N, C-alpha and C. Protein backbone atom coordinates (compact mmCIF):
# COMPACT_ATOMS: atom_id res chain seq x y z
N MET A 1 -24.01 25.32 10.30
CA MET A 1 -22.61 25.33 9.99
C MET A 1 -21.94 26.38 10.88
N LEU A 2 -21.22 25.93 11.82
CA LEU A 2 -20.62 26.83 12.77
C LEU A 2 -19.43 27.55 12.17
N GLY A 3 -19.32 28.81 12.46
CA GLY A 3 -18.18 29.59 12.04
C GLY A 3 -18.19 29.99 10.59
N CYS A 4 -19.30 29.86 9.91
CA CYS A 4 -19.37 30.22 8.49
C CYS A 4 -20.23 31.46 8.34
N GLU A 5 -19.61 32.56 7.99
CA GLU A 5 -20.36 33.81 7.92
C GLU A 5 -21.08 34.00 6.60
N HIS A 6 -20.89 33.09 5.64
CA HIS A 6 -21.54 33.24 4.34
C HIS A 6 -22.97 32.73 4.36
N TYR A 7 -23.30 31.87 5.28
CA TYR A 7 -24.64 31.34 5.38
C TYR A 7 -25.13 31.60 6.79
N LYS A 8 -26.09 32.48 6.95
CA LYS A 8 -26.50 32.94 8.28
C LYS A 8 -27.79 32.29 8.76
N GLY A 9 -28.13 31.12 8.28
CA GLY A 9 -29.34 30.46 8.75
C GLY A 9 -30.57 30.94 8.00
N GLY A 10 -31.73 30.41 8.37
CA GLY A 10 -32.95 30.77 7.66
C GLY A 10 -32.99 30.06 6.32
N GLU A 11 -33.94 30.46 5.49
CA GLU A 11 -34.06 29.86 4.18
C GLU A 11 -33.11 30.56 3.21
N PRO A 12 -32.22 29.84 2.56
CA PRO A 12 -31.30 30.47 1.62
C PRO A 12 -32.01 30.85 0.33
N LYS A 13 -31.48 31.83 -0.35
CA LYS A 13 -32.03 32.26 -1.63
C LYS A 13 -31.69 31.21 -2.68
N ALA A 14 -32.53 31.08 -3.71
CA ALA A 14 -32.38 30.01 -4.70
C ALA A 14 -31.08 30.14 -5.50
N ALA A 15 -30.72 31.30 -5.97
CA ALA A 15 -29.55 31.46 -6.83
C ALA A 15 -28.25 31.31 -6.04
N ASN A 16 -28.20 31.87 -4.83
CA ASN A 16 -26.97 31.86 -4.04
C ASN A 16 -26.91 30.75 -3.01
N ALA A 17 -27.97 29.94 -2.90
CA ALA A 17 -28.03 28.94 -1.85
C ALA A 17 -26.96 27.88 -2.01
N LEU A 18 -26.83 27.35 -3.19
CA LEU A 18 -25.88 26.28 -3.41
C LEU A 18 -24.46 26.80 -3.30
N SER A 19 -24.18 27.94 -3.87
CA SER A 19 -22.82 28.46 -3.82
C SER A 19 -22.42 28.85 -2.40
N ALA A 20 -23.36 29.38 -1.62
CA ALA A 20 -23.04 29.75 -0.25
C ALA A 20 -22.78 28.50 0.60
N LEU A 21 -23.59 27.46 0.40
CA LEU A 21 -23.38 26.23 1.14
C LEU A 21 -22.09 25.54 0.72
N GLN A 22 -21.80 25.56 -0.58
CA GLN A 22 -20.55 24.96 -1.05
C GLN A 22 -19.35 25.71 -0.50
N LEU A 23 -19.42 27.03 -0.51
CA LEU A 23 -18.32 27.83 0.01
C LEU A 23 -18.12 27.56 1.49
N CYS A 24 -19.21 27.46 2.23
CA CYS A 24 -19.13 27.19 3.65
C CYS A 24 -18.52 25.80 3.90
N ALA A 25 -18.92 24.80 3.09
CA ALA A 25 -18.37 23.45 3.24
C ALA A 25 -16.89 23.43 2.90
N ILE A 26 -16.52 24.15 1.85
CA ILE A 26 -15.11 24.19 1.46
C ILE A 26 -14.28 24.87 2.54
N MET A 27 -14.79 25.93 3.10
CA MET A 27 -14.05 26.62 4.15
C MET A 27 -13.90 25.73 5.39
N THR A 28 -14.93 24.96 5.70
CA THR A 28 -14.88 24.07 6.85
C THR A 28 -13.87 22.95 6.60
N ILE A 29 -13.90 22.37 5.40
CA ILE A 29 -12.99 21.28 5.07
C ILE A 29 -11.56 21.78 4.99
N SER A 30 -11.36 23.00 4.52
CA SER A 30 -10.00 23.50 4.35
C SER A 30 -9.28 23.64 5.69
N ARG A 31 -10.01 23.75 6.75
CA ARG A 31 -9.37 23.83 8.07
C ARG A 31 -8.91 22.46 8.56
N ILE A 32 -9.46 21.38 8.01
CA ILE A 32 -9.16 20.04 8.47
C ILE A 32 -7.94 19.46 7.74
N ILE A 33 -7.76 19.80 6.48
CA ILE A 33 -6.70 19.20 5.66
C ILE A 33 -5.33 19.66 6.13
N ASN A 34 -4.41 18.73 6.19
CA ASN A 34 -3.04 19.05 6.54
C ASN A 34 -2.40 19.82 5.39
N ARG A 35 -1.81 20.94 5.65
CA ARG A 35 -1.25 21.80 4.61
C ARG A 35 0.25 21.59 4.41
N ASN A 36 0.80 20.49 4.89
CA ASN A 36 2.22 20.23 4.73
C ASN A 36 2.49 19.86 3.27
N LYS A 37 3.04 20.79 2.47
CA LYS A 37 3.23 20.58 1.04
C LYS A 37 4.28 19.51 0.75
N LYS A 38 5.27 19.36 1.63
CA LYS A 38 6.27 18.33 1.39
C LYS A 38 5.70 16.93 1.56
N LEU A 39 4.71 16.79 2.43
CA LEU A 39 4.12 15.49 2.68
C LEU A 39 3.02 15.16 1.68
N TYR A 40 2.14 16.11 1.42
CA TYR A 40 0.96 15.84 0.61
C TYR A 40 0.97 16.49 -0.76
N GLY A 41 1.80 17.49 -1.02
CA GLY A 41 1.76 18.16 -2.30
C GLY A 41 0.55 19.05 -2.41
N PRO A 42 0.08 19.30 -3.64
CA PRO A 42 -1.05 20.21 -3.80
C PRO A 42 -2.37 19.66 -3.27
N GLY A 43 -2.52 18.39 -3.18
CA GLY A 43 -3.75 17.78 -2.67
C GLY A 43 -3.41 16.51 -1.91
N PRO A 44 -4.40 15.85 -1.32
CA PRO A 44 -4.14 14.64 -0.56
C PRO A 44 -3.49 13.54 -1.40
N LEU A 45 -3.79 13.51 -2.73
CA LEU A 45 -3.23 12.48 -3.59
C LEU A 45 -2.19 13.05 -4.54
N GLY A 46 -1.59 14.18 -4.18
CA GLY A 46 -0.67 14.85 -5.08
C GLY A 46 0.74 14.32 -5.04
N ARG A 47 1.02 13.26 -4.28
CA ARG A 47 2.39 12.75 -4.19
C ARG A 47 2.74 12.00 -5.47
N ARG A 48 3.97 12.10 -5.90
CA ARG A 48 4.45 11.38 -7.07
C ARG A 48 5.12 10.08 -6.62
N PRO A 49 4.76 8.96 -7.24
CA PRO A 49 5.38 7.69 -6.84
C PRO A 49 6.83 7.61 -7.29
N THR A 50 7.60 6.83 -6.57
CA THR A 50 9.00 6.60 -6.92
C THR A 50 9.25 5.10 -6.90
N GLY A 51 10.34 4.68 -7.49
CA GLY A 51 10.70 3.26 -7.48
C GLY A 51 9.73 2.43 -8.27
N LEU A 52 9.28 1.31 -7.69
CA LEU A 52 8.35 0.42 -8.39
C LEU A 52 6.99 1.08 -8.58
N GLY A 53 6.62 1.99 -7.71
CA GLY A 53 5.33 2.66 -7.84
C GLY A 53 5.25 3.58 -9.04
N ALA A 54 6.38 4.00 -9.58
CA ALA A 54 6.38 4.89 -10.74
C ALA A 54 6.28 4.11 -12.05
N ARG A 55 6.42 2.81 -12.00
CA ARG A 55 6.36 1.99 -13.21
C ARG A 55 4.90 1.69 -13.57
N PRO A 56 4.67 1.24 -14.80
CA PRO A 56 3.33 0.77 -15.15
C PRO A 56 2.94 -0.43 -14.28
N PRO A 57 1.66 -0.63 -14.03
CA PRO A 57 1.24 -1.67 -13.08
C PRO A 57 1.72 -3.08 -13.43
N LEU A 58 1.62 -3.47 -14.69
CA LEU A 58 2.01 -4.83 -15.06
C LEU A 58 3.51 -5.02 -14.91
N GLN A 59 4.28 -4.04 -15.29
CA GLN A 59 5.74 -4.13 -15.15
C GLN A 59 6.13 -4.22 -13.68
N GLY A 60 5.50 -3.43 -12.82
CA GLY A 60 5.77 -3.51 -11.39
C GLY A 60 5.41 -4.86 -10.81
N LEU A 61 4.27 -5.42 -11.26
CA LEU A 61 3.85 -6.75 -10.79
C LEU A 61 4.86 -7.81 -11.21
N VAL A 62 5.31 -7.76 -12.45
CA VAL A 62 6.28 -8.75 -12.94
C VAL A 62 7.59 -8.65 -12.16
N ILE A 63 8.04 -7.44 -11.90
CA ILE A 63 9.29 -7.26 -11.14
C ILE A 63 9.13 -7.81 -9.72
N CYS A 64 8.01 -7.49 -9.06
CA CYS A 64 7.79 -7.98 -7.69
C CYS A 64 7.69 -9.50 -7.67
N ALA A 65 6.98 -10.08 -8.64
CA ALA A 65 6.85 -11.54 -8.69
C ALA A 65 8.20 -12.19 -8.94
N THR A 66 8.99 -11.63 -9.84
CA THR A 66 10.31 -12.18 -10.14
C THR A 66 11.21 -12.11 -8.91
N GLN A 67 11.20 -10.99 -8.23
CA GLN A 67 12.02 -10.86 -7.03
C GLN A 67 11.57 -11.82 -5.94
N GLY A 68 10.26 -12.00 -5.80
CA GLY A 68 9.74 -12.94 -4.80
C GLY A 68 10.13 -14.37 -5.10
N ILE A 69 10.03 -14.77 -6.38
CA ILE A 69 10.42 -16.13 -6.76
C ILE A 69 11.92 -16.33 -6.54
N ALA A 70 12.72 -15.33 -6.93
CA ALA A 70 14.18 -15.44 -6.75
C ALA A 70 14.54 -15.55 -5.27
N ALA A 71 13.91 -14.74 -4.43
CA ALA A 71 14.20 -14.81 -2.99
C ALA A 71 13.77 -16.15 -2.41
N GLY A 72 12.62 -16.68 -2.85
CA GLY A 72 12.16 -17.98 -2.38
C GLY A 72 13.08 -19.11 -2.79
N LEU A 73 13.51 -19.09 -4.06
CA LEU A 73 14.43 -20.13 -4.52
C LEU A 73 15.77 -20.05 -3.81
N LEU A 74 16.28 -18.84 -3.67
CA LEU A 74 17.56 -18.66 -2.98
C LEU A 74 17.47 -19.15 -1.53
N GLY A 75 16.39 -18.78 -0.85
CA GLY A 75 16.20 -19.23 0.54
C GLY A 75 16.03 -20.74 0.64
N GLY A 76 15.27 -21.31 -0.29
CA GLY A 76 15.06 -22.76 -0.28
C GLY A 76 16.33 -23.54 -0.54
N PHE A 77 17.08 -23.13 -1.57
CA PHE A 77 18.34 -23.82 -1.85
C PHE A 77 19.36 -23.61 -0.72
N GLY A 78 19.37 -22.41 -0.14
CA GLY A 78 20.27 -22.17 0.99
C GLY A 78 19.94 -23.05 2.18
N TYR A 79 18.65 -23.16 2.49
CA TYR A 79 18.23 -24.03 3.60
C TYR A 79 18.59 -25.49 3.32
N ASN A 80 18.32 -25.92 2.07
CA ASN A 80 18.61 -27.31 1.69
C ASN A 80 20.11 -27.59 1.73
N PHE A 81 20.93 -26.62 1.36
CA PHE A 81 22.38 -26.81 1.39
C PHE A 81 22.90 -26.83 2.82
N LEU A 82 22.38 -25.94 3.68
CA LEU A 82 22.88 -25.85 5.05
C LEU A 82 22.36 -26.98 5.93
N PHE A 83 21.08 -27.29 5.85
CA PHE A 83 20.47 -28.25 6.77
C PHE A 83 20.12 -29.58 6.13
N GLY A 84 20.10 -29.64 4.83
CA GLY A 84 19.71 -30.87 4.14
C GLY A 84 18.19 -31.05 4.20
N ASP A 85 17.70 -31.99 3.43
CA ASP A 85 16.27 -32.27 3.41
C ASP A 85 15.96 -33.24 4.55
N PRO A 86 15.15 -32.83 5.54
CA PRO A 86 14.90 -33.70 6.70
C PRO A 86 14.27 -35.04 6.34
N LEU A 87 13.39 -35.07 5.35
CA LEU A 87 12.74 -36.32 4.97
C LEU A 87 13.75 -37.28 4.33
N VAL A 88 14.60 -36.75 3.45
CA VAL A 88 15.62 -37.60 2.83
C VAL A 88 16.60 -38.10 3.89
N ASN A 89 16.99 -37.24 4.82
CA ASN A 89 17.89 -37.68 5.90
C ASN A 89 17.26 -38.77 6.74
N TYR A 90 15.97 -38.66 7.01
CA TYR A 90 15.27 -39.67 7.81
C TYR A 90 15.25 -41.01 7.08
N ILE A 91 14.98 -40.98 5.78
CA ILE A 91 14.94 -42.22 4.99
C ILE A 91 16.33 -42.85 4.92
N GLU A 92 17.36 -42.04 4.69
CA GLU A 92 18.73 -42.57 4.63
C GLU A 92 19.14 -43.17 5.98
N ASP A 93 18.80 -42.51 7.07
CA ASP A 93 19.13 -43.05 8.40
C ASP A 93 18.40 -44.36 8.65
N TYR A 94 17.15 -44.46 8.19
CA TYR A 94 16.38 -45.69 8.38
C TYR A 94 17.04 -46.86 7.66
N TYR A 95 17.46 -46.63 6.41
CA TYR A 95 18.07 -47.73 5.65
C TYR A 95 19.48 -48.04 6.12
N LYS A 96 20.16 -47.09 6.80
CA LYS A 96 21.44 -47.40 7.41
C LYS A 96 21.26 -48.36 8.58
N GLU A 97 20.20 -48.14 9.36
CA GLU A 97 19.91 -48.99 10.50
C GLU A 97 19.29 -50.33 10.08
N HIS A 98 18.49 -50.33 9.01
CA HIS A 98 17.79 -51.52 8.55
C HIS A 98 18.15 -51.77 7.09
N PRO A 99 19.32 -52.35 6.84
CA PRO A 99 19.70 -52.57 5.43
C PRO A 99 18.80 -53.58 4.76
N SER A 100 18.62 -53.43 3.47
CA SER A 100 17.78 -54.39 2.74
C SER A 100 18.56 -55.67 2.53
N ARG A 101 17.90 -56.78 2.25
CA ARG A 101 18.55 -58.08 2.16
C ARG A 101 19.35 -58.23 0.95
């Protein structure tokens, strides 16, 4: 373990071996973690969710599904109103050209 003065190599003592190795590992890891408190908070998972993420999981799922269905229906009806149904238009055009007897 480079740069760790608590464990100097050789065979560690039984009582202090684990604590010295743990301390050395913690000191090594503490240099790697980003210390930006605004971004990460007290720990890597210390951020508080907002919006849909702050709701209970089932309620968030229901809201997302409802919004997705509403957006799909709105888009579908909008497309159908603006451009019409291509298959229905094709059938109507066919019967205009070839009227039934």
